[in-house]
Amino acid sequence: MSINHPPIVILDFDGVILPSTGAKLAISQEIQNNHYQWNQNELNKLQPIDLIRRVERVDTDKNWKMGYQIYQSFQDILPKPIDRIRFLLNLQRSVRNAEFKYAEFFPYVIPTLTKLSQYAIIGICTNSERKRIIRWLTRYSISHLITAFTSRDDRKRYGVKPDPKILLYTLIKIKHQKKINSRLDKSRIYFVGDNVSDILTAKNAGVKSVAVLSGHSTKEELLEVCPDFLIPTIEEIFSIPDLSRNSS
């Protein structure tokens, strides 16, 4: 059966499209709060990025298991349980407020997506909530560049990364939106993410994995899971041979 669809590029959101500016500001403010009884010796060993990586899924809604794991991860710097609870609740609110007030897309995102959309289908697959993604796409007026996206709101049925079902569901939505009648060629489908879980999701789904260094995971961590491609940011996505041939 012939393949008659263009390349499909699915993007994670945080660390790929949006930097962690809001989280950095919120955490910096919270760690100055003297109402918490910090273990200062342990806190001094950490950088804001270390704490961000612990709470990158802090907005856990009703996923109590995930929330408990995050709660436990702060035991070393906040020994008192009540301090940990207050810290995470306050951080959840302050991240949301600081993010939309101070954060901006990486400067290369809009020109990159605009160019990419001329010959590739673009989607988003994120563990973040739907309303947050819509808010950002609306703010930058780029909803028309995104064919479909899946979010945390879909997790009850499709799970969250690295479960491949959430990524495969994104592809089903794209196939429907674009009215693609042929089978999808997974060798021309790319999932771009900044975390180890993103690379594992791509592998579990049988599509090409693209790791970027603009997010929370280190180069060493990403190399350990052997992505098909490793690039600094999505601005360099045109260095991928299949996409490069189409970008001229």
C-alpha atoms as a PDB file:
ATOM      1  CA  MET A   1       0.000   0.000   0.000  1.00  0.00           C
ATOM      2  CA  SER A   2       1.392   3.408  -0.938  1.00  0.00           C
ATOM      3  CA  ILE A   3       2.194   6.015   1.653  1.00  0.00           C
ATOM      4  CA  ASN A   4       0.747   9.424   0.857  1.00  0.00           C
ATOM      5  CA  HIS A   5       1.254  11.582   3.887  1.00  0.00           C
ATOM      6  CA  PRO A   6       3.962  14.151   4.696  1.00  0.00           C
ATOM      7  CA  PRO A   7       6.290  13.866   7.692  1.00  0.00           C
ATOM      8  CA  ILE A   8       4.508  14.058  11.038  1.00  0.00           C
ATOM      9  CA  VAL A   9       6.236  15.860  13.897  1.00  0.00           C
ATOM     10  CA  ILE A  10       4.745  15.543  17.384  1.00  0.00           C
ATOM     11  CA  LEU A  11       6.132  17.872  20.042  1.00  0.00           C
ATOM     12  CA  ASP A  12       6.203  17.759  23.788  1.00  0.00           C
ATOM     13  CA  PHE A  13       5.373  21.192  25.224  1.00  0.00           C
ATOM     14  CA  ASP A  14       7.429  22.090  28.307  1.00  0.00           C
ATOM     15  CA  GLY A  15      11.144  22.257  27.601  1.00  0.00           C
ATOM     16  CA  VAL A  16      10.555  22.046  23.851  1.00  0.00           C
ATOM     17  CA  ILE A  17       8.208  24.963  23.128  1.00  0.00           C
ATOM     18  CA  LEU A  18       8.066  26.710  26.492  1.00  0.00           C
ATOM     19  CA  PRO A  19      11.051  27.162  28.853  1.00  0.00           C
ATOM     20  CA  SER A  20      10.730  26.730  32.600  1.00  0.00           C
ATOM     21  CA  THR A  21      10.922  30.460  33.381  1.00  0.00           C
ATOM     22  CA  GLY A  22       7.756  30.473  35.472  1.00  0.00           C
ATOM     23  CA  ALA A  23       8.827  27.469  37.501  1.00  0.00           C
ATOM     24  CA  LYS A  24      12.275  28.969  38.156  1.00  0.00           C
ATOM     25  CA  LEU A  25      10.794  32.231  39.402  1.00  0.00           C
ATOM     26  CA  ALA A  26       8.203  30.501  41.559  1.00  0.00           C
ATOM     27  CA  ILE A  27      10.723  28.146  43.138  1.00  0.00           C
ATOM     28  CA  SER A  28      13.216  30.955  43.741  1.00  0.00           C
ATOM     29  CA  GLN A  29      10.523  32.871  45.602  1.00  0.00           C
ATOM     30  CA  GLU A  30       9.368  29.880  47.627  1.00  0.00           C
ATOM     31  CA  ILE A  31      12.813  28.845  48.826  1.00  0.00           C
ATOM     32  CA  GLN A  32      13.200  32.343  50.326  1.00  0.00           C
ATOM     33  CA  ASN A  33      10.093  31.736  52.435  1.00  0.00           C
ATOM     34  CA  ASN A  34      11.203  31.568  56.077  1.00  0.00           C
ATOM     35  CA  HIS A  35       7.872  30.070  57.146  1.00  0.00           C
ATOM     36  CA  TYR A  36       9.204  26.681  56.054  1.00  0.00           C
ATOM     37  CA  GLN A  37      11.715  24.852  58.205  1.00  0.00           C
ATOM     38  CA  TRP A  38      14.277  24.045  55.550  1.00  0.00           C
ATOM     39  CA  ASN A  39      17.138  21.631  55.939  1.00  0.00           C
ATOM     40  CA  GLN A  40      19.491  24.371  54.826  1.00  0.00           C
ATOM     41  CA  ASN A  41      22.509  22.100  54.415  1.00  0.00           C
ATOM     42  CA  GLU A  42      20.691  19.944  51.899  1.00  0.00           C
ATOM     43  CA  LEU A  43      19.013  22.908  50.202  1.00  0.00           C
ATOM     44  CA  ASN A  44      22.383  24.605  49.621  1.00  0.00           C
ATOM     45  CA  LYS A  45      23.504  21.606  47.574  1.00  0.00           C
ATOM     46  CA  LEU A  46      20.735  22.166  45.023  1.00  0.00           C
ATOM     47  CA  GLN A  47      20.173  24.536  42.118  1.00  0.00           C
ATOM     48  CA  PRO A  48      16.678  25.744  41.084  1.00  0.00           C
ATOM     49  CA  ILE A  49      16.800  23.378  38.092  1.00  0.00           C
ATOM     50  CA  ASP A  50      17.210  20.444  40.488  1.00  0.00           C
ATOM     51  CA  LEU A  51      14.000  21.409  42.243  1.00  0.00           C
ATOM     52  CA  ILE A  52      12.201  22.018  38.964  1.00  0.00           C
ATOM     53  CA  ARG A  53      12.985  18.499  37.892  1.00  0.00           C
ATOM     54  CA  ARG A  54      11.423  17.246  41.108  1.00  0.00           C
ATOM     55  CA  VAL A  55       8.224  19.215  40.617  1.00  0.00           C
ATOM     56  CA  GLU A  56       7.844  19.314  36.835  1.00  0.00           C
ATOM     57  CA  ARG A  57       4.642  17.327  37.326  1.00  0.00           C
ATOM     58  CA  VAL A  58       3.513  19.222  40.421  1.00  0.00           C
ATOM     59  CA  ASP A  59       0.182  20.116  38.805  1.00  0.00           C
ATOM     60  CA  THR A  60      -1.012  16.557  39.319  1.00  0.00           C
ATOM     61  CA  ASP A  61      -4.765  17.145  39.683  1.00  0.00           C
ATOM     62  CA  LYS A  62      -6.137  13.916  41.190  1.00  0.00           C
ATOM     63  CA  ASN A  63      -3.189  11.717  40.376  1.00  0.00           C
ATOM     64  CA  TRP A  64      -2.470  11.040  44.040  1.00  0.00           C
ATOM     65  CA  LYS A  65       0.197   8.428  43.412  1.00  0.00           C
ATOM     66  CA  MET A  66       2.274  10.872  41.374  1.00  0.00           C
ATOM     67  CA  GLY A  67       1.618  13.617  43.890  1.00  0.00           C
ATOM     68  CA  TYR A  68       2.769  11.418  46.747  1.00  0.00           C
ATOM     69  CA  GLN A  69       5.999  10.599  44.934  1.00  0.00           C
ATOM     70  CA  ILE A  70       6.705  14.303  44.506  1.00  0.00           C
ATOM     71  CA  TYR A  71       5.819  14.897  48.165  1.00  0.00           C
ATOM     72  CA  GLN A  72       8.270  12.207  49.240  1.00  0.00           C
ATOM     73  CA  SER A  73      11.038  13.592  47.027  1.00  0.00           C
ATOM     74  CA  PHE A  74      11.202  16.759  49.175  1.00  0.00           C
ATOM     75  CA  GLN A  75      11.734  14.975  52.466  1.00  0.00           C
ATOM     76  CA  ASP A  76      15.459  15.737  52.429  1.00  0.00           C
ATOM     77  CA  ILE A  77      15.012  19.518  52.336  1.00  0.00           C
ATOM     78  CA  LEU A  78      11.621  19.809  54.065  1.00  0.00           C
ATOM     79  CA  PRO A  79      11.589  17.195  56.844  1.00  0.00           C
ATOM     80  CA  LYS A  80       8.260  18.321  58.310  1.00  0.00           C
ATOM     81  CA  PRO A  81       5.284  16.853  56.382  1.00  0.00           C
ATOM     82  CA  ILE A  82       3.171  19.983  56.852  1.00  0.00           C
ATOM     83  CA  ASP A  83       5.905  22.119  55.286  1.00  0.00           C
ATOM     84  CA  ARG A  84       6.078  19.824  52.270  1.00  0.00           C
ATOM     85  CA  ILE A  85       2.325  19.976  51.751  1.00  0.00           C
ATOM     86  CA  ARG A  86       2.208  23.762  52.080  1.00  0.00           C
ATOM     87  CA  PHE A  87       5.214  24.180  49.808  1.00  0.00           C
ATOM     88  CA  LEU A  88       3.726  22.068  47.006  1.00  0.00           C
ATOM     89  CA  LEU A  89       0.301  23.695  47.228  1.00  0.00           C
ATOM     90  CA  ASN A  90       1.785  27.191  47.196  1.00  0.00           C
ATOM     91  CA  LEU A  91       4.149  26.268  44.394  1.00  0.00           C
ATOM     92  CA  GLN A  92       1.309  24.973  42.246  1.00  0.00           C
ATOM     93  CA  ARG A  93      -0.443  28.328  42.439  1.00  0.00           C
ATOM     94  CA  SER A  94       2.676  30.474  42.050  1.00  0.00           C
ATOM     95  CA  VAL A  95       3.980  28.517  39.040  1.00  0.00           C
ATOM     96  CA  ARG A  96       0.734  29.071  37.163  1.00  0.00           C
ATOM     97  CA  ASN A  97       0.732  32.797  37.947  1.00  0.00           C
ATOM     98  CA  ALA A  98       4.429  33.393  37.281  1.00  0.00           C
ATOM     99  CA  GLU A  99       4.470  31.313  34.120  1.00  0.00           C
ATOM    100  CA  PHE A 100       1.849  33.226  32.171  1.00  0.00           C
ATOM    101  CA  LYS A 101       3.069  36.578  33.491  1.00  0.00           C
ATOM    102  CA  TYR A 102       6.780  36.169  32.843  1.00  0.00           C
ATOM    103  CA  ALA A 103       7.407  33.183  30.575  1.00  0.00           C
ATOM    104  CA  GLU A 104       7.557  33.300  26.791  1.00  0.00           C
ATOM    105  CA  PHE A 105       8.012  30.718  24.071  1.00  0.00           C
ATOM    106  CA  PHE A 106      11.605  30.073  23.085  1.00  0.00           C
ATOM    107  CA  PRO A 107      12.332  32.797  20.485  1.00  0.00           C
ATOM    108  CA  TYR A 108      12.867  30.297  17.678  1.00  0.00           C
ATOM    109  CA  VAL A 109       9.590  28.416  18.192  1.00  0.00           C
ATOM    110  CA  ILE A 110       7.194  30.397  16.009  1.00  0.00           C
ATOM    111  CA  PRO A 111       9.497  30.751  12.952  1.00  0.00           C
ATOM    112  CA  THR A 112      10.470  27.083  13.257  1.00  0.00           C
ATOM    113  CA  LEU A 113       6.882  25.853  13.476  1.00  0.00           C
ATOM    114  CA  THR A 114       5.792  28.200  10.693  1.00  0.00           C
ATOM    115  CA  LYS A 115       8.459  26.833   8.366  1.00  0.00           C
ATOM    116  CA  LEU A 116       7.847  23.243   9.422  1.00  0.00           C
ATOM    117  CA  SER A 117       4.099  23.522   8.858  1.00  0.00           C
ATOM    118  CA  GLN A 118       4.663  24.239   5.171  1.00  0.00           C
ATOM    119  CA  TYR A 119       5.516  20.600   4.473  1.00  0.00           C
ATOM    120  CA  ALA A 120       4.965  18.621   7.685  1.00  0.00           C
ATOM    121  CA  ILE A 121       2.028  17.875   9.953  1.00  0.00           C
ATOM    122  CA  ILE A 122       2.544  19.165  13.506  1.00  0.00           C
ATOM    123  CA  GLY A 123       0.967  17.863  16.702  1.00  0.00           C
ATOM    124  CA  ILE A 124       1.522  18.160  20.433  1.00  0.00           C
ATOM    125  CA  CYS A 125       1.552  15.368  23.017  1.00  0.00           C
ATOM    126  CA  THR A 126       1.965  16.600  26.564  1.00  0.00           C
ATOM    127  CA  ASN A 127       1.265  15.584  30.137  1.00  0.00           C
ATOM    128  CA  SER A 128       0.084  19.137  30.794  1.00  0.00           C
ATOM    129  CA  GLU A 129      -3.606  20.005  30.983  1.00  0.00           C
ATOM    130  CA  ARG A 130      -5.663  20.910  27.919  1.00  0.00           C
ATOM    131  CA  LYS A 131      -6.761  24.385  29.042  1.00  0.00           C
ATOM    132  CA  ARG A 132      -3.141  25.414  29.628  1.00  0.00           C
ATOM    133  CA  ILE A 133      -2.074  24.368  26.119  1.00  0.00           C
ATOM    134  CA  ILE A 134      -5.054  26.135  24.534  1.00  0.00           C
ATOM    135  CA  ARG A 135      -4.206  29.255  26.511  1.00  0.00           C
ATOM    136  CA  TRP A 136      -0.635  29.317  25.186  1.00  0.00           C
ATOM    137  CA  LEU A 137      -1.552  28.479  21.595  1.00  0.00           C
ATOM    138  CA  THR A 138      -4.150  31.246  21.680  1.00  0.00           C
ATOM    139  CA  ARG A 139      -1.732  33.740  23.200  1.00  0.00           C
ATOM    140  CA  TYR A 140       0.692  33.261  20.311  1.00  0.00           C
ATOM    141  CA  SER A 141      -2.011  32.735  17.661  1.00  0.00           C
ATOM    142  CA  ILE A 142      -0.494  29.484  16.402  1.00  0.00           C
ATOM    143  CA  SER A 143      -3.432  27.119  16.849  1.00  0.00           C
ATOM    144  CA  HIS A 144      -3.703  26.893  13.064  1.00  0.00           C
ATOM    145  CA  LEU A 145      -0.215  25.362  12.897  1.00  0.00           C
ATOM    146  CA  ILE A 146      -1.163  22.476  15.208  1.00  0.00           C
ATOM    147  CA  THR A 147      -3.308  19.761  13.641  1.00  0.00           C
ATOM    148  CA  ALA A 148      -4.115  17.986  16.916  1.00  0.00           C
ATOM    149  CA  PHE A 149      -2.894  17.624  20.466  1.00  0.00           C
ATOM    150  CA  THR A 150      -3.383  15.360  23.434  1.00  0.00           C
ATOM    151  CA  SER A 151      -2.994  16.348  27.049  1.00  0.00           C
ATOM    152  CA  ARG A 152      -3.343  15.264  30.646  1.00  0.00           C
ATOM    153  CA  ASP A 153      -7.116  15.374  30.159  1.00  0.00           C
ATOM    154  CA  ASP A 154      -6.819  12.273  27.978  1.00  0.00           C
ATOM    155  CA  ARG A 155      -4.852  10.261  30.517  1.00  0.00           C
ATOM    156  CA  LYS A 156      -7.781   8.428  32.124  1.00  0.00           C
ATOM    157  CA  ARG A 157      -8.340   6.567  28.877  1.00  0.00           C
ATOM    158  CA  TYR A 158      -4.900   6.646  27.280  1.00  0.00           C
ATOM    159  CA  GLY A 159      -2.459   6.985  30.172  1.00  0.00           C
ATOM    160  CA  VAL A 160       0.503   9.351  30.361  1.00  0.00           C
ATOM    161  CA  LYS A 161       3.983   9.170  28.923  1.00  0.00           C
ATOM    162  CA  PRO A 162       5.894   6.893  28.615  1.00  0.00           C
ATOM    163  CA  ASP A 163       2.725   4.900  27.886  1.00  0.00           C
ATOM    164  CA  PRO A 164       2.632   4.887  24.063  1.00  0.00           C
ATOM    165  CA  LYS A 165      -1.165   4.972  23.888  1.00  0.00           C
ATOM    166  CA  ILE A 166      -1.280   8.732  24.447  1.00  0.00           C
ATOM    167  CA  LEU A 167       1.090   9.317  21.514  1.00  0.00           C
ATOM    168  CA  LEU A 168      -0.745   6.841  19.312  1.00  0.00           C
ATOM    169  CA  TYR A 169      -3.994   8.621  20.136  1.00  0.00           C
ATOM    170  CA  THR A 170      -2.411  11.867  18.927  1.00  0.00           C
ATOM    171  CA  LEU A 171      -1.658  10.154  15.636  1.00  0.00           C
ATOM    172  CA  ILE A 172      -5.229   8.868  15.376  1.00  0.00           C
ATOM    173  CA  LYS A 173      -6.510  12.414  15.816  1.00  0.00           C
ATOM    174  CA  ILE A 174      -4.100  13.673  13.148  1.00  0.00           C
ATOM    175  CA  LYS A 175      -5.116  10.892  10.765  1.00  0.00           C
ATOM    176  CA  HIS A 176      -8.756  11.856  11.246  1.00  0.00           C
ATOM    177  CA  GLN A 177      -8.181  15.605  10.907  1.00  0.00           C
ATOM    178  CA  LYS A 178      -6.078  15.239   7.770  1.00  0.00           C
ATOM    179  CA  LYS A 179      -8.311  12.504   6.319  1.00  0.00           C
ATOM    180  CA  ILE A 180      -5.347  10.214   5.735  1.00  0.00           C
ATOM    181  CA  ASN A 181      -6.736   6.977   4.330  1.00  0.00           C
ATOM    182  CA  SER A 182      -3.453   5.125   3.953  1.00  0.00           C
ATOM    183  CA  ARG A 183      -1.575   3.546   6.821  1.00  0.00           C
ATOM    184  CA  LEU A 184       0.847   5.820   8.643  1.00  0.00           C
ATOM    185  CA  ASP A 185       4.522   5.328   7.889  1.00  0.00           C
ATOM    186  CA  LYS A 186       6.130   5.293  11.331  1.00  0.00           C
ATOM    187  CA  SER A 187       9.560   5.880   9.824  1.00  0.00           C
ATOM    188  CA  ARG A 188       8.314   9.386   8.958  1.00  0.00           C
ATOM    189  CA  ILE A 189       6.819  10.139  12.358  1.00  0.00           C
ATOM    190  CA  TYR A 190       8.966  12.006  14.886  1.00  0.00           C
ATOM    191  CA  PHE A 191       8.289  12.614  18.552  1.00  0.00           C
ATOM    192  CA  VAL A 192      10.326  15.481  19.990  1.00  0.00           C
ATOM    193  CA  GLY A 193      10.861  15.752  23.724  1.00  0.00           C
ATOM    194  CA  ASP A 194      13.255  16.942  26.405  1.00  0.00           C
ATOM    195  CA  ASN A 195      12.759  14.147  28.927  1.00  0.00           C
ATOM    196  CA  VAL A 196      13.755  10.510  29.107  1.00  0.00           C
ATOM    197  CA  SER A 197      10.063   9.618  29.309  1.00  0.00           C
ATOM    198  CA  ASP A 198       9.490  11.284  25.919  1.00  0.00           C
ATOM    199  CA  ILE A 199      12.168   9.175  24.252  1.00  0.00           C
ATOM    200  CA  LEU A 200      10.779   6.022  25.833  1.00  0.00           C
ATOM    201  CA  THR A 201       7.290   6.987  24.630  1.00  0.00           C
ATOM    202  CA  ALA A 202       8.528   7.288  21.043  1.00  0.00           C
ATOM    203  CA  LYS A 203      10.304   3.944  21.265  1.00  0.00           C
ATOM    204  CA  ASN A 204       7.275   2.257  22.789  1.00  0.00           C
ATOM    205  CA  ALA A 205       5.117   3.650  19.987  1.00  0.00           C
ATOM    206  CA  GLY A 206       7.549   2.567  17.273  1.00  0.00           C
ATOM    207  CA  VAL A 207       8.228   6.064  15.918  1.00  0.00           C
ATOM    208  CA  LYS A 208      11.425   8.103  15.593  1.00  0.00           C
ATOM    209  CA  SER A 209      12.619   9.769  18.799  1.00  0.00           C
ATOM    210  CA  VAL A 210      14.158  13.238  18.824  1.00  0.00           C
ATOM    211  CA  ALA A 211      15.734  14.478  22.061  1.00  0.00           C
ATOM    212  CA  VAL A 212      16.323  18.194  22.621  1.00  0.00           C
ATOM    213  CA  LEU A 213      18.650  19.728  25.197  1.00  0.00           C
ATOM    214  CA  SER A 214      16.450  22.758  25.891  1.00  0.00           C
ATOM    215  CA  GLY A 215      14.577  21.166  28.799  1.00  0.00           C
ATOM    216  CA  HIS A 216      15.202  19.410  32.085  1.00  0.00           C
ATOM    217  CA  SER A 217      17.051  16.225  31.179  1.00  0.00           C
ATOM    218  CA  THR A 218      20.806  16.270  30.750  1.00  0.00           C
ATOM    219  CA  LYS A 219      22.602  15.127  27.624  1.00  0.00           C
ATOM    220  CA  GLU A 220      23.965  12.120  29.490  1.00  0.00           C
ATOM    221  CA  GLU A 221      20.507  11.066  30.680  1.00  0.00           C
ATOM    222  CA  LEU A 222      19.088  11.346  27.175  1.00  0.00           C
ATOM    223  CA  LEU A 223      21.958   9.459  25.574  1.00  0.00           C
ATOM    224  CA  GLU A 224      21.386   6.581  27.975  1.00  0.00           C
ATOM    225  CA  VAL A 225      18.039   5.846  26.299  1.00  0.00           C
ATOM    226  CA  CYS A 226      19.518   6.128  22.789  1.00  0.00           C
ATOM    227  CA  PRO A 227      17.293   8.605  20.914  1.00  0.00           C
ATOM    228  CA  ASP A 228      17.322   8.403  17.130  1.00  0.00           C
ATOM    229  CA  PHE A 229      18.335  12.056  17.011  1.00  0.00           C
ATOM    230  CA  LEU A 230      19.795  14.461  19.568  1.00  0.00           C
ATOM    231  CA  ILE A 231      19.631  18.183  18.810  1.00  0.00           C
ATOM    232  CA  PRO A 232      20.125  21.330  20.923  1.00  0.00           C
ATOM    233  CA  THR A 233      16.629  22.745  20.262  1.00  0.00           C
ATOM    234  CA  ILE A 234      13.763  22.281  17.805  1.00  0.00           C
ATOM    235  CA  GLU A 235      15.339  25.038  15.728  1.00  0.00           C
ATOM    236  CA  GLU A 236      17.777  22.360  14.548  1.00  0.00           C
ATOM    237  CA  ILE A 237      15.034  19.911  13.575  1.00  0.00           C
ATOM    238  CA  PHE A 238      15.791  20.616   9.913  1.00  0.00           C
ATOM    239  CA  SER A 239      19.099  18.818  10.364  1.00  0.00           C
ATOM    240  CA  ILE A 240      17.163  15.543  10.382  1.00  0.00           C
ATOM    241  CA  PRO A 241      17.636  14.096   6.873  1.00  0.00           C
ATOM    242  CA  ASP A 242      13.964  13.433   6.086  1.00  0.00           C
ATOM    243  CA  LEU A 243      12.979  16.916   7.197  1.00  0.00           C
ATOM    244  CA  SER A 244      16.009  18.573   5.638  1.00  0.00           C
ATOM    245  CA  ARG A 245      15.117  17.290   2.193  1.00  0.00           C
ATOM    246  CA  ASN A 246      11.733  18.906   2.494  1.00  0.00           C
ATOM    247  CA  SER A 247      12.886  22.173   4.035  1.00  0.00           C
ATOM    248  CA  SER A 248      14.650  23.610   1.011  1.00  0.00           C
END
